[in-house]
């Protein structure tokens, strides 16, 4: 395996707000090659040292490209930060240029569906075998074995403003954790680690559902008491999903779980909270989505999680009611009232 200490560049696939934030963080420690699909975006970044759509200044140590082969050829360590709906497609395009010595760390918080159409999903024909995390997609589509996941309270806007935060690198491989921490750690960015990659991925995806619900509360003008209740009960639902995937509660109780949940479910900088907030204000779903420059992953995750919960007979009333509000036009105010009356008899039932 090549010595990553001598590698001149670290790769980032994805030039959205989070990909740009990670690129700027990496630039504290290494030169960065950042992939973007659009040639005009790449040219603007390299010319002006600024992301034109996000109006974010970029480090001089970042260079943009729209050539995936160049990224794989120049970088042994690559961060993949693209929406879950496009993740498999991107990995298929990148796969011909990857080798077993590459290390991949993804920062995508969502699910992929395999061998299941949208129509079949709506009909409830989903099973665990149809749901993939992003690390599972990487293993299926590439020769790369050493894979990691970046999770935790990582609001891109705050990172781009230089505010301090922490993250978690989850991987079964020590070298992925070691090299990831080496290039990401800085005075403003503390990196923790865990071997429980599936738990970190599930926590990162599922907390977006609860963030939508918390945003709905904000849009309805409700206070912190009900928000705290929703977040707490939402954590229980995340843990119930985890159990169905064979994951213990432990990953959900750390930085990648409750830490990310509290952050995403309480900040207006969160795209998922914003989506829920606008929904609580009474805006139609299509109008909200059309107004958002980037994807709110929780909207897609909500659909997948609801149908999977039905199939597995999971106890997830928040997920069920939010699905009705987002996809079936049910009055979200009535949904919240229903949840308030829901008979939770036991406070903590997973220990």
Foldseek 3Di string as FASTA:
>chain_A
DDDQVPQQEEEEEDDPLLSQLQCQLLVVFHQYEYADQDPVQQVCCQVPCARVVVRFHHDPSYHYDNDLLVNLVRHLEYEYEDEQACLLVVLLVNAVNHDQSHEYEYAYQAWAFDPADPVNLVVLVDEPVGIDFSVRSNVVRHNYDHYWYKFFACLSVCSSVVAADEIEIEALDPVNLVVVQNSRDDPRYHYHYYPPRVLLNLQSHQLLLLLLLLLLCVLLVHDDVLNVVSLQVSLVQSQLVCVVVVHASVSLPDRSHSRNSVNSNPDCSRLSSVLSNVLSNPDANVVSCVVDPDDSNNVVRLSNVVSNCVVVVTDDLSSVLVCCVNPVVPRVVVSSVCVVPDDDPDRDDRD
